[in-house]
Amino acid sequence: MKKLIFSSIALFAFSFMGSAQAKSDTLMVLGNCGMCKSNIETAATKAGANSAVWNKETKILVVNYDETKTTNLNIQKSIAAAGYDTPAIKATDADYLKLEKCCQYDRNPKKEN
């Protein structure tokens, strides 16, 4: 009986420790099309995200990652290197200009009143 209680406590502690390392963030990433979606999600996963889903309409990227393996900033650096501006990192002009014409989003969108 003591073994069962100890095993249950250990399993609970390990599962809690594992979930404490998981992180989910949302980022605004401008883009235009399905190719942008693929590029953005691929860049995020190359930087260590476990999953990345970008919504073309809302321009919101949801990333899930293990904080012991990567960071939000590393993910944003990878996305910027792919040519897309992120909240913390602006893509270089050279990287932006490598995008297909259909993917070259308006880098200075007009603000709505």
PDB file of N, CA and C in Angstrom:
ATOM      1  N   MET A   1       0.826  -1.187   0.000  1.00  0.00           N
ATOM      2  CA  MET A   1       0.000   0.000   0.000  1.00  0.00           C
ATOM      3  C   MET A   1       0.872   1.253   0.000  1.00  0.00           C
ATOM      4  N   LYS A   2       1.972   1.227   0.781  1.00  0.00           N
ATOM      5  CA  LYS A   2       2.869   2.374   0.826  1.00  0.00           C
ATOM      6  C   LYS A   2       3.489   2.623  -0.548  1.00  0.00           C
ATOM      7  N   LYS A   3       3.803   1.527  -1.269  1.00  0.00           N
ATOM      8  CA  LYS A   3       4.371   1.662  -2.604  1.00  0.00           C
ATOM      9  C   LYS A   3       3.386   2.349  -3.539  1.00  0.00           C
ATOM     10  N   LEU A   4       2.132   1.983  -3.444  1.00  0.00           N
ATOM     11  CA  LEU A   4       1.100   2.566  -4.299  1.00  0.00           C
ATOM     12  C   LEU A   4       0.950   4.058  -4.015  1.00  0.00           C
ATOM     13  N   ILE A   5       0.936   4.433  -2.750  1.00  0.00           N
ATOM     14  CA  ILE A   5       0.813   5.843  -2.380  1.00  0.00           C
ATOM     15  C   ILE A   5       2.036   6.614  -2.863  1.00  0.00           C
ATOM     16  N   PHE A   6       3.238   6.065  -2.627  1.00  0.00           N
ATOM     17  CA  PHE A   6       4.468   6.729  -3.069  1.00  0.00           C
ATOM     18  C   PHE A   6       4.484   6.870  -4.590  1.00  0.00           C
ATOM     19  N   SER A   7       4.091   5.823  -5.298  1.00  0.00           N
ATOM     20  CA  SER A   7       4.066   5.870  -6.761  1.00  0.00           C
ATOM     21  C   SER A   7       3.086   6.923  -7.265  1.00  0.00           C
ATOM     22  N   SER A   8       1.945   7.007  -6.627  1.00  0.00           N
ATOM     23  CA  SER A   8       0.943   7.999  -7.021  1.00  0.00           C
ATOM     24  C   SER A   8       1.450   9.422  -6.792  1.00  0.00           C
ATOM     25  N   ILE A   9       2.086   9.647  -5.671  1.00  0.00           N
ATOM     26  CA  ILE A   9       2.639  10.970  -5.364  1.00  0.00           C
ATOM     27  C   ILE A   9       3.747  11.315  -6.353  1.00  0.00           C
ATOM     28  N   ALA A  10       4.614  10.371  -6.639  1.00  0.00           N
ATOM     29  CA  ALA A  10       5.716  10.608  -7.579  1.00  0.00           C
ATOM     30  C   ALA A  10       5.176  10.905  -8.973  1.00  0.00           C
ATOM     31  N   LEU A  11       4.196  10.150  -9.418  1.00  0.00           N
ATOM     32  CA  LEU A  11       3.599  10.375 -10.737  1.00  0.00           C
ATOM     33  C   LEU A  11       2.971  11.762 -10.806  1.00  0.00           C
ATOM     34  N   PHE A  12       2.262  12.153  -9.763  1.00  0.00           N
ATOM     35  CA  PHE A  12       1.643  13.480  -9.717  1.00  0.00           C
ATOM     36  C   PHE A  12       2.717  14.568  -9.769  1.00  0.00           C
ATOM     37  N   ALA A  13       3.789  14.408  -9.001  1.00  0.00           N
ATOM     38  CA  ALA A  13       4.854  15.411  -8.959  1.00  0.00           C
ATOM     39  C   ALA A  13       5.539  15.533 -10.324  1.00  0.00           C
ATOM     40  N   PHE A  14       5.828  14.414 -10.975  1.00  0.00           N
ATOM     41  CA  PHE A  14       6.482  14.453 -12.281  1.00  0.00           C
ATOM     42  C   PHE A  14       5.568  15.064 -13.338  1.00  0.00           C
ATOM     43  N   SER A  15       4.294  14.774 -13.291  1.00  0.00           N
ATOM     44  CA  SER A  15       3.381  15.354 -14.281  1.00  0.00           C
ATOM     45  C   SER A  15       3.250  16.849 -14.061  1.00  0.00           C
ATOM     46  N   PHE A  16       3.274  17.298 -12.804  1.00  0.00           N
ATOM     47  CA  PHE A  16       3.211  18.730 -12.518  1.00  0.00           C
ATOM     48  C   PHE A  16       4.485  19.416 -12.996  1.00  0.00           C
ATOM     49  N   MET A  17       5.634  18.802 -12.781  1.00  0.00           N
ATOM     50  CA  MET A  17       6.901  19.381 -13.217  1.00  0.00           C
ATOM     51  C   MET A  17       6.944  19.498 -14.733  1.00  0.00           C
ATOM     52  N   GLY A  18       6.445  18.514 -15.432  1.00  0.00           N
ATOM     53  CA  GLY A  18       6.446  18.545 -16.891  1.00  0.00           C
ATOM     54  C   GLY A  18       5.564  19.646 -17.428  1.00  0.00           C
ATOM     55  N   SER A  19       4.416  19.864 -16.817  1.00  0.00           N
ATOM     56  CA  SER A  19       3.518  20.895 -17.326  1.00  0.00           C
ATOM     57  C   SER A  19       4.027  22.285 -16.998  1.00  0.00           C
ATOM     58  N   ALA A  20       4.864  22.427 -15.987  1.00  0.00           N
ATOM     59  CA  ALA A  20       5.400  23.739 -15.631  1.00  0.00           C
ATOM     60  C   ALA A  20       6.373  24.229 -16.696  1.00  0.00           C
ATOM     61  N   GLN A  21       6.937  23.330 -17.492  1.00  0.00           N
ATOM     62  CA  GLN A  21       7.887  23.703 -18.530  1.00  0.00           C
ATOM     63  C   GLN A  21       7.193  24.072 -19.838  1.00  0.00           C
ATOM     64  N   ALA A  22       5.952  23.670 -20.017  1.00  0.00           N
ATOM     65  CA  ALA A  22       5.220  23.957 -21.239  1.00  0.00           C
ATOM     66  C   ALA A  22       4.729  25.395 -21.224  1.00  0.00           C
ATOM     67  N   LYS A  23       4.842  26.054 -22.361  1.00  0.00           N
ATOM     68  CA  LYS A  23       4.468  27.459 -22.469  1.00  0.00           C
ATOM     69  C   LYS A  23       3.678  27.652 -23.751  1.00  0.00           C
ATOM     70  N   SER A  24       2.695  28.533 -23.698  1.00  0.00           N
ATOM     71  CA  SER A  24       1.919  28.889 -24.875  1.00  0.00           C
ATOM     72  C   SER A  24       1.875  30.407 -24.970  1.00  0.00           C
ATOM     73  N   ASP A  25       2.181  30.935 -26.154  1.00  0.00           N
ATOM     74  CA  ASP A  25       2.160  32.378 -26.382  1.00  0.00           C
ATOM     75  C   ASP A  25       1.419  32.692 -27.668  1.00  0.00           C
ATOM     76  N   THR A  26       0.905  33.908 -27.740  1.00  0.00           N
ATOM     77  CA  THR A  26       0.307  34.399 -28.976  1.00  0.00           C
ATOM     78  C   THR A  26       1.095  35.612 -29.442  1.00  0.00           C
ATOM     79  N   LEU A  27       1.308  35.679 -30.746  1.00  0.00           N
ATOM     80  CA  LEU A  27       2.081  36.762 -31.346  1.00  0.00           C
ATOM     81  C   LEU A  27       1.350  37.300 -32.572  1.00  0.00           C
ATOM     82  N   MET A  28       1.406  38.594 -32.787  1.00  0.00           N
ATOM     83  CA  MET A  28       0.892  39.188 -34.013  1.00  0.00           C
ATOM     84  C   MET A  28       2.001  39.090 -35.055  1.00  0.00           C
ATOM     85  N   VAL A  29       1.716  38.401 -36.149  1.00  0.00           N
ATOM     86  CA  VAL A  29       2.671  38.267 -37.247  1.00  0.00           C
ATOM     87  C   VAL A  29       1.922  38.560 -38.541  1.00  0.00           C
ATOM     88  N   LEU A  30       2.326  39.628 -39.234  1.00  0.00           N
ATOM     89  CA  LEU A  30       1.652  39.997 -40.475  1.00  0.00           C
ATOM     90  C   LEU A  30       2.042  39.054 -41.595  1.00  0.00           C
ATOM     91  N   GLY A  31       1.089  38.793 -42.470  1.00  0.00           N
ATOM     92  CA  GLY A  31       1.283  37.943 -43.627  1.00  0.00           C
ATOM     93  C   GLY A  31       0.021  38.001 -44.464  1.00  0.00           C
ATOM     94  N   ASN A  32       0.034  37.350 -45.616  1.00  0.00           N
ATOM     95  CA  ASN A  32      -1.084  37.488 -46.542  1.00  0.00           C
ATOM     96  C   ASN A  32      -1.776  36.203 -46.966  1.00  0.00           C
ATOM     97  N   CYS A  33      -1.043  35.114 -47.050  1.00  0.00           N
ATOM     98  CA  CYS A  33      -1.599  33.971 -47.781  1.00  0.00           C
ATOM     99  C   CYS A  33      -1.222  32.633 -47.137  1.00  0.00           C
ATOM    100  N   GLY A  34      -1.609  31.574 -47.810  1.00  0.00           N
ATOM    101  CA  GLY A  34      -1.290  30.228 -47.343  1.00  0.00           C
ATOM    102  C   GLY A  34       0.194  29.953 -47.318  1.00  0.00           C
ATOM    103  N   MET A  35       0.943  30.544 -48.252  1.00  0.00           N
ATOM    104  CA  MET A  35       2.386  30.363 -48.252  1.00  0.00           C
ATOM    105  C   MET A  35       2.988  31.042 -47.018  1.00  0.00           C
ATOM    106  N   CYS A  36       2.442  32.205 -46.643  1.00  0.00           N
ATOM    107  CA  CYS A  36       2.888  32.880 -45.418  1.00  0.00           C
ATOM    108  C   CYS A  36       2.645  31.976 -44.215  1.00  0.00           C
ATOM    109  N   LYS A  37       1.458  31.377 -44.173  1.00  0.00           N
ATOM    110  CA  LYS A  37       1.113  30.479 -43.067  1.00  0.00           C
ATOM    111  C   LYS A  37       2.161  29.379 -42.931  1.00  0.00           C
ATOM    112  N   SER A  38       2.496  28.766 -44.045  1.00  0.00           N
ATOM    113  CA  SER A  38       3.484  27.693 -44.037  1.00  0.00           C
ATOM    114  C   SER A  38       4.849  28.206 -43.588  1.00  0.00           C
ATOM    115  N   ASN A  39       5.278  29.346 -44.131  1.00  0.00           N
ATOM    116  CA  ASN A  39       6.592  29.912 -43.781  1.00  0.00           C
ATOM    117  C   ASN A  39       6.677  30.259 -42.302  1.00  0.00           C
ATOM    118  N   ILE A  40       5.651  30.905 -41.774  1.00  0.00           N
ATOM    119  CA  ILE A  40       5.644  31.351 -40.378  1.00  0.00           C
ATOM    120  C   ILE A  40       5.645  30.147 -39.435  1.00  0.00           C
ATOM    121  N   GLU A  41       4.759  29.191 -39.688  1.00  0.00           N
ATOM    122  CA  GLU A  41       4.669  28.013 -38.826  1.00  0.00           C
ATOM    123  C   GLU A  41       5.955  27.180 -38.884  1.00  0.00           C
ATOM    124  N   THR A  42       6.542  27.056 -40.073  1.00  0.00           N
ATOM    125  CA  THR A  42       7.788  26.304 -40.222  1.00  0.00           C
ATOM    126  C   THR A  42       8.926  26.983 -39.466  1.00  0.00           C
ATOM    127  N   ALA A  43       9.015  28.308 -39.576  1.00  0.00           N
ATOM    128  CA  ALA A  43      10.068  29.047 -38.870  1.00  0.00           C
ATOM    129  C   ALA A  43       9.942  28.865 -37.363  1.00  0.00           C
ATOM    130  N   ALA A  44       8.705  28.889 -36.862  1.00  0.00           N
ATOM    131  CA  ALA A  44       8.489  28.718 -35.420  1.00  0.00           C
ATOM    132  C   ALA A  44       8.902  27.318 -34.967  1.00  0.00           C
ATOM    133  N   THR A  45       8.541  26.309 -35.727  1.00  0.00           N
ATOM    134  CA  THR A  45       8.893  24.946 -35.322  1.00  0.00           C
ATOM    135  C   THR A  45      10.394  24.691 -35.471  1.00  0.00           C
ATOM    136  N   LYS A  46      11.041  25.318 -36.459  1.00  0.00           N
ATOM    137  CA  LYS A  46      12.499  25.181 -36.589  1.00  0.00           C
ATOM    138  C   LYS A  46      13.207  25.755 -35.370  1.00  0.00           C
ATOM    139  N   ALA A  47      12.594  26.753 -34.740  1.00  0.00           N
ATOM    140  CA  ALA A  47      13.195  27.374 -33.559  1.00  0.00           C
ATOM    141  C   ALA A  47      12.872  26.610 -32.283  1.00  0.00           C
ATOM    142  N   GLY A  48      12.133  25.518 -32.397  1.00  0.00           N
ATOM    143  CA  GLY A  48      11.875  24.681 -31.234  1.00  0.00           C
ATOM    144  C   GLY A  48      10.453  24.650 -30.740  1.00  0.00           C
ATOM    145  N   ALA A  49       9.535  25.340 -31.399  1.00  0.00           N
ATOM    146  CA  ALA A  49       8.134  25.273 -30.984  1.00  0.00           C
ATOM    147  C   ALA A  49       7.608  23.863 -31.220  1.00  0.00           C
ATOM    148  N   ASN A  50       6.843  23.353 -30.272  1.00  0.00           N
ATOM    149  CA  ASN A  50       6.213  22.043 -30.438  1.00  0.00           C
ATOM    150  C   ASN A  50       5.079  22.118 -31.437  1.00  0.00           C
ATOM    151  N   SER A  51       4.388  23.257 -31.436  1.00  0.00           N
ATOM    152  CA  SER A  51       3.329  23.486 -32.409  1.00  0.00           C
ATOM    153  C   SER A  51       3.235  24.976 -32.672  1.00  0.00           C
ATOM    154  N   ALA A  52       2.766  25.303 -33.874  1.00  0.00           N
ATOM    155  CA  ALA A  52       2.596  26.692 -34.272  1.00  0.00           C
ATOM    156  C   ALA A  52       1.426  26.753 -35.243  1.00  0.00           C
ATOM    157  N   VAL A  53       0.453  27.605 -34.944  1.00  0.00           N
ATOM    158  CA  VAL A  53      -0.709  27.755 -35.816  1.00  0.00           C
ATOM    159  C   VAL A  53      -0.934  29.247 -36.034  1.00  0.00           C
ATOM    160  N   TRP A  54      -0.843  29.665 -37.319  1.00  0.00           N
ATOM    161  CA  TRP A  54      -1.041  31.064 -37.691  1.00  0.00           C
ATOM    162  C   TRP A  54      -2.376  31.206 -38.392  1.00  0.00           C
ATOM    163  N   ASN A  55      -3.149  32.220 -38.008  1.00  0.00           N
ATOM    164  CA  ASN A  55      -4.454  32.477 -38.601  1.00  0.00           C
ATOM    165  C   ASN A  55      -4.330  33.631 -39.593  1.00  0.00           C
ATOM    166  N   LYS A  56      -4.633  33.373 -40.852  1.00  0.00           N
ATOM    167  CA  LYS A  56      -4.497  34.364 -41.921  1.00  0.00           C
ATOM    168  C   LYS A  56      -5.385  35.588 -41.701  1.00  0.00           C
ATOM    169  N   GLU A  57      -6.579  35.391 -41.175  1.00  0.00           N
ATOM    170  CA  GLU A  57      -7.512  36.500 -40.987  1.00  0.00           C
ATOM    171  C   GLU A  57      -7.125  37.389 -39.804  1.00  0.00           C
ATOM    172  N   THR A  58      -6.782  36.777 -38.683  1.00  0.00           N
ATOM    173  CA  THR A  58      -6.489  37.560 -37.475  1.00  0.00           C
ATOM    174  C   THR A  58      -5.015  37.959 -37.369  1.00  0.00           C
ATOM    175  N   LYS A  59      -4.149  37.276 -38.154  1.00  0.00           N
ATOM    176  CA  LYS A  59      -2.694  37.495 -38.128  1.00  0.00           C
ATOM    177  C   LYS A  59      -2.082  37.097 -36.788  1.00  0.00           C
ATOM    178  N   ILE A  60      -2.761  36.203 -36.071  1.00  0.00           N
ATOM    179  CA  ILE A  60      -2.292  35.746 -34.761  1.00  0.00           C
ATOM    180  C   ILE A  60      -1.641  34.372 -34.899  1.00  0.00           C
ATOM    181  N   LEU A  61      -0.454  34.256 -34.326  1.00  0.00           N
ATOM    182  CA  LEU A  61       0.265  32.988 -34.259  1.00  0.00           C
ATOM    183  C   LEU A  61       0.198  32.487 -32.825  1.00  0.00           C
ATOM    184  N   VAL A  62      -0.214  31.244 -32.659  1.00  0.00           N
ATOM    185  CA  VAL A  62      -0.214  30.607 -31.341  1.00  0.00           C
ATOM    186  C   VAL A  62       0.890  29.557 -31.366  1.00  0.00           C
ATOM    187  N   VAL A  63       1.844  29.715 -30.451  1.00  0.00           N
ATOM    188  CA  VAL A  63       2.965  28.770 -30.364  1.00  0.00           C
ATOM    189  C   VAL A  63       2.966  28.087 -29.008  1.00  0.00           C
ATOM    190  N   ASN A  64       3.288  26.822 -29.018  1.00  0.00           N
ATOM    191  CA  ASN A  64       3.465  26.039 -27.800  1.00  0.00           C
ATOM    192  C   ASN A  64       4.886  25.509 -27.834  1.00  0.00           C
ATOM    193  N   TYR A  65       5.585  25.643 -26.709  1.00  0.00           N
ATOM    194  CA  TYR A  65       6.976  25.220 -26.670  1.00  0.00           C
ATOM    195  C   TYR A  65       7.388  24.861 -25.251  1.00  0.00           C
ATOM    196  N   ASP A  66       8.489  24.154 -25.171  1.00  0.00           N
ATOM    197  CA  ASP A  66       9.072  23.754 -23.897  1.00  0.00           C
ATOM    198  C   ASP A  66      10.110  24.808 -23.536  1.00  0.00           C
ATOM    199  N   GLU A  67       9.908  25.490 -22.421  1.00  0.00           N
ATOM    200  CA  GLU A  67      10.805  26.569 -22.006  1.00  0.00           C
ATOM    201  C   GLU A  67      12.235  26.110 -21.729  1.00  0.00           C
ATOM    202  N   THR A  68      12.432  24.819 -21.537  1.00  0.00           N
ATOM    203  CA  THR A  68      13.789  24.322 -21.315  1.00  0.00           C
ATOM    204  C   THR A  68      14.534  24.116 -22.633  1.00  0.00           C
ATOM    205  N   LYS A  69      13.817  24.192 -23.757  1.00  0.00           N
ATOM    206  CA  LYS A  69      14.430  23.942 -25.061  1.00  0.00           C
ATOM    207  C   LYS A  69      14.509  25.167 -25.955  1.00  0.00           C
ATOM    208  N   THR A  70      13.621  26.125 -25.786  1.00  0.00           N
ATOM    209  CA  THR A  70      13.641  27.339 -26.606  1.00  0.00           C
ATOM    210  C   THR A  70      12.943  28.469 -25.846  1.00  0.00           C
ATOM    211  N   THR A  71      12.948  29.632 -26.444  1.00  0.00           N
ATOM    212  CA  THR A  71      12.294  30.791 -25.830  1.00  0.00           C
ATOM    213  C   THR A  71      11.405  31.484 -26.846  1.00  0.00           C
ATOM    214  N   ASN A  72      10.539  32.332 -26.353  1.00  0.00           N
ATOM    215  CA  ASN A  72       9.695  33.142 -27.217  1.00  0.00           C
ATOM    216  C   ASN A  72      10.573  33.982 -28.143  1.00  0.00           C
ATOM    217  N   LEU A  73      11.639  34.558 -27.601  1.00  0.00           N
ATOM    218  CA  LEU A  73      12.519  35.406 -28.400  1.00  0.00           C
ATOM    219  C   LEU A  73      13.216  34.612 -29.507  1.00  0.00           C
ATOM    220  N   ASN A  74      13.654  33.391 -29.230  1.00  0.00           N
ATOM    221  CA  ASN A  74      14.269  32.562 -30.277  1.00  0.00           C
ATOM    222  C   ASN A  74      13.274  32.261 -31.388  1.00  0.00           C
ATOM    223  N   ILE A  75      12.035  32.012 -31.015  1.00  0.00           N
ATOM    224  CA  ILE A  75      10.998  31.756 -32.018  1.00  0.00           C
ATOM    225  C   ILE A  75      10.783  33.006 -32.871  1.00  0.00           C
ATOM    226  N   GLN A  76      10.724  34.168 -32.224  1.00  0.00           N
ATOM    227  CA  GLN A  76      10.535  35.415 -32.974  1.00  0.00           C
ATOM    228  C   GLN A  76      11.733  35.700 -33.894  1.00  0.00           C
ATOM    229  N   LYS A  77      12.944  35.395 -33.451  1.00  0.00           N
ATOM    230  CA  LYS A  77      14.129  35.589 -34.290  1.00  0.00           C
ATOM    231  C   LYS A  77      14.047  34.731 -35.549  1.00  0.00           C
ATOM    232  N   SER A  78      13.595  33.506 -35.399  1.00  0.00           N
ATOM    233  CA  SER A  78      13.478  32.597 -36.536  1.00  0.00           C
ATOM    234  C   SER A  78      12.416  33.088 -37.521  1.00  0.00           C
ATOM    235  N   ILE A  79      11.310  33.570 -37.007  1.00  0.00           N
ATOM    236  CA  ILE A  79      10.239  34.095 -37.867  1.00  0.00           C
ATOM    237  C   ILE A  79      10.730  35.336 -38.609  1.00  0.00           C
ATOM    238  N   ALA A  80      11.444  36.215 -37.910  1.00  0.00           N
ATOM    239  CA  ALA A  80      11.991  37.418 -38.549  1.00  0.00           C
ATOM    240  C   ALA A  80      13.014  37.039 -39.628  1.00  0.00           C
ATOM    241  N   ALA A  81      13.831  36.020 -39.368  1.00  0.00           N
ATOM    242  CA  ALA A  81      14.807  35.565 -40.362  1.00  0.00           C
ATOM    243  C   ALA A  81      14.114  35.020 -41.614  1.00  0.00           C
ATOM    244  N   ALA A  82      12.860  34.564 -41.448  1.00  0.00           N
ATOM    245  CA  ALA A  82      12.073  34.083 -42.587  1.00  0.00           C
ATOM    246  C   ALA A  82      11.427  35.239 -43.353  1.00  0.00           C
ATOM    247  N   GLY A  83      11.553  36.479 -42.824  1.00  0.00           N
ATOM    248  CA  GLY A  83      11.045  37.648 -43.536  1.00  0.00           C
ATOM    249  C   GLY A  83       9.836  38.319 -42.925  1.00  0.00           C
ATOM    250  N   TYR A  84       9.397  37.848 -41.774  1.00  0.00           N
ATOM    251  CA  TYR A  84       8.165  38.368 -41.162  1.00  0.00           C
ATOM    252  C   TYR A  84       8.474  39.125 -39.876  1.00  0.00           C
ATOM    253  N   ASP A  85       7.907  40.321 -39.765  1.00  0.00           N
ATOM    254  CA  ASP A  85       8.076  41.114 -38.545  1.00  0.00           C
ATOM    255  C   ASP A  85       7.300  40.482 -37.401  1.00  0.00           C
ATOM    256  N   THR A  86       7.883  40.537 -36.211  1.00  0.00           N
ATOM    257  CA  THR A  86       7.220  40.051 -35.005  1.00  0.00           C
ATOM    258  C   THR A  86       7.175  41.207 -34.009  1.00  0.00           C
ATOM    259  N   PRO A  87       6.462  41.061 -32.910  1.00  0.00           N
ATOM    260  CA  PRO A  87       6.398  42.154 -31.932  1.00  0.00           C
ATOM    261  C   PRO A  87       7.776  42.590 -31.410  1.00  0.00           C
ATOM    262  N   ALA A  88       8.726  41.672 -31.269  1.00  0.00           N
ATOM    263  CA  ALA A  88      10.032  42.016 -30.698  1.00  0.00           C
ATOM    264  C   ALA A  88      11.136  42.183 -31.735  1.00  0.00           C
ATOM    265  N   ILE A  89      10.982  41.548 -32.897  1.00  0.00           N
ATOM    266  CA  ILE A  89      12.053  41.542 -33.898  1.00  0.00           C
ATOM    267  C   ILE A  89      11.482  41.920 -35.261  1.00  0.00           C
ATOM    268  N   LYS A  90      12.068  42.931 -35.875  1.00  0.00           N
ATOM    269  CA  LYS A  90      11.676  43.303 -37.232  1.00  0.00           C
ATOM    270  C   LYS A  90      12.588  42.564 -38.205  1.00  0.00           C
ATOM    271  N   ALA A  91      12.005  41.967 -39.230  1.00  0.00           N
ATOM    272  CA  ALA A  91      12.793  41.292 -40.256  1.00  0.00           C
ATOM    273  C   ALA A  91      13.675  42.305 -40.970  1.00  0.00           C
ATOM    274  N   THR A  92      14.843  41.874 -41.386  1.00  0.00           N
ATOM    275  CA  THR A  92      15.685  42.781 -42.172  1.00  0.00           C
ATOM    276  C   THR A  92      15.008  43.020 -43.516  1.00  0.00           C
ATOM    277  N   ASP A  93      15.344  44.134 -44.133  1.00  0.00           N
ATOM    278  CA  ASP A  93      14.786  44.408 -45.465  1.00  0.00           C
ATOM    279  C   ASP A  93      15.176  43.309 -46.443  1.00  0.00           C
ATOM    280  N   ALA A  94      16.408  42.819 -46.330  1.00  0.00           N
ATOM    281  CA  ALA A  94      16.871  41.756 -47.228  1.00  0.00           C
ATOM    282  C   ALA A  94      16.026  40.495 -47.070  1.00  0.00           C
ATOM    283  N   ASP A  95      15.727  40.105 -45.824  1.00  0.00           N
ATOM    284  CA  ASP A  95      14.894  38.913 -45.598  1.00  0.00           C
ATOM    285  C   ASP A  95      13.465  39.147 -46.077  1.00  0.00           C
ATOM    286  N   TYR A  96      12.934  40.328 -45.821  1.00  0.00           N
ATOM    287  CA  TYR A  96      11.579  40.658 -46.274  1.00  0.00           C
ATOM    288  C   TYR A  96      11.500  40.580 -47.797  1.00  0.00           C
ATOM    289  N   LEU A  97      12.493  41.123 -48.495  1.00  0.00           N
ATOM    290  CA  LEU A  97      12.467  41.150 -49.959  1.00  0.00           C
ATOM    291  C   LEU A  97      12.670  39.772 -50.591  1.00  0.00           C
ATOM    292  N   LYS A  98      13.122  38.788 -49.801  1.00  0.00           N
ATOM    293  CA  LYS A  98      13.237  37.415 -50.300  1.00  0.00           C
ATOM    294  C   LYS A  98      11.867  36.732 -50.391  1.00  0.00           C
ATOM    295  N   LEU A  99      10.868  37.297 -49.699  1.00  0.00           N
ATOM    296  CA  LEU A  99       9.531  36.713 -49.744  1.00  0.00           C
ATOM    297  C   LEU A  99       8.959  36.822 -51.156  1.00  0.00           C
ATOM    298  N   GLU A 100       8.124  35.854 -51.523  1.00  0.00           N
ATOM    299  CA  GLU A 100       7.392  35.948 -52.783  1.00  0.00           C
ATOM    300  C   GLU A 100       6.578  37.238 -52.765  1.00  0.00           C
ATOM    301  N   LYS A 101       6.290  37.793 -53.930  1.00  0.00           N
ATOM    302  CA  LYS A 101       5.544  39.057 -54.009  1.00  0.00           C
ATOM    303  C   LYS A 101       4.208  38.978 -53.267  1.00  0.00           C
ATOM    304  N   CYS A 102       3.523  37.844 -53.373  1.00  0.00           N
ATOM    305  CA  CYS A 102       2.226  37.710 -52.701  1.00  0.00           C
ATOM    306  C   CYS A 102       2.365  37.720 -51.178  1.00  0.00           C
ATOM    307  N   CYS A 103       3.566  37.420 -50.688  1.00  0.00           N
ATOM    308  CA  CYS A 103       3.808  37.361 -49.245  1.00  0.00           C
ATOM    309  C   CYS A 103       4.329  38.679 -48.676  1.00  0.00           C
ATOM    310  N   GLN A 104       4.664  39.623 -49.541  1.00  0.00           N
ATOM    311  CA  GLN A 104       5.194  40.898 -49.071  1.00  0.00           C
ATOM    312  C   GLN A 104       4.037  41.766 -48.564  1.00  0.00           C
ATOM    313  N   TYR A 105       3.751  41.583 -47.303  1.00  0.00           N
ATOM    314  CA  TYR A 105       2.672  42.275 -46.603  1.00  0.00           C
ATOM    315  C   TYR A 105       3.020  43.747 -46.424  1.00  0.00           C
ATOM    316  N   ASP A 106       2.008  44.557 -46.099  1.00  0.00           N
ATOM    317  CA  ASP A 106       2.208  45.975 -45.818  1.00  0.00           C
ATOM    318  C   ASP A 106       2.886  46.093 -44.456  1.00  0.00           C
ATOM    319  N   ARG A 107       4.125  46.528 -44.448  1.00  0.00           N
ATOM    320  CA  ARG A 107       4.890  46.606 -43.204  1.00  0.00           C
ATOM    321  C   ARG A 107       4.466  47.784 -42.337  1.00  0.00           C
ATOM    322  N   ASN A 108       3.751  48.736 -42.890  1.00  0.00           N
ATOM    323  CA  ASN A 108       3.287  49.900 -42.134  1.00  0.00           C
ATOM    324  C   ASN A 108       1.781  50.050 -42.307  1.00  0.00           C
ATOM    325  N   PRO A 109       1.017  49.099 -41.767  1.00  0.00           N
ATOM    326  CA  PRO A 109      -0.450  49.176 -41.952  1.00  0.00           C
ATOM    327  C   PRO A 109      -1.013  50.442 -41.309  1.00  0.00           C
ATOM    328  N   LYS A 110      -2.030  50.993 -41.981  1.00  0.00           N
ATOM    329  CA  LYS A 110      -2.691  52.176 -41.433  1.00  0.00           C
ATOM    330  C   LYS A 110      -3.496  51.796 -40.209  1.00  0.00           C
ATOM    331  N   LYS A 111      -3.410  52.604 -39.197  1.00  0.00           N
ATOM    332  CA  LYS A 111      -4.154  52.352 -37.963  1.00  0.00           C
ATOM    333  C   LYS A 111      -5.592  52.827 -38.154  1.00  0.00           C
ATOM    334  N   GLU A 112      -6.532  52.005 -37.668  1.00  0.00           N
ATOM    335  CA  GLU A 112      -7.943  52.401 -37.711  1.00  0.00           C
ATOM    336  C   GLU A 112      -8.236  53.357 -36.576  1.00  0.00           C
ATOM    337  N   ASN A 113      -9.119  54.309 -36.826  1.00  0.00           N
ATOM    338  CA  ASN A 113      -9.498  55.270 -35.775  1.00  0.00           C
ATOM    339  C   ASN A 113     -10.544  54.709 -34.862  1.00  0.00           C
TER     340      ASN A 113
END
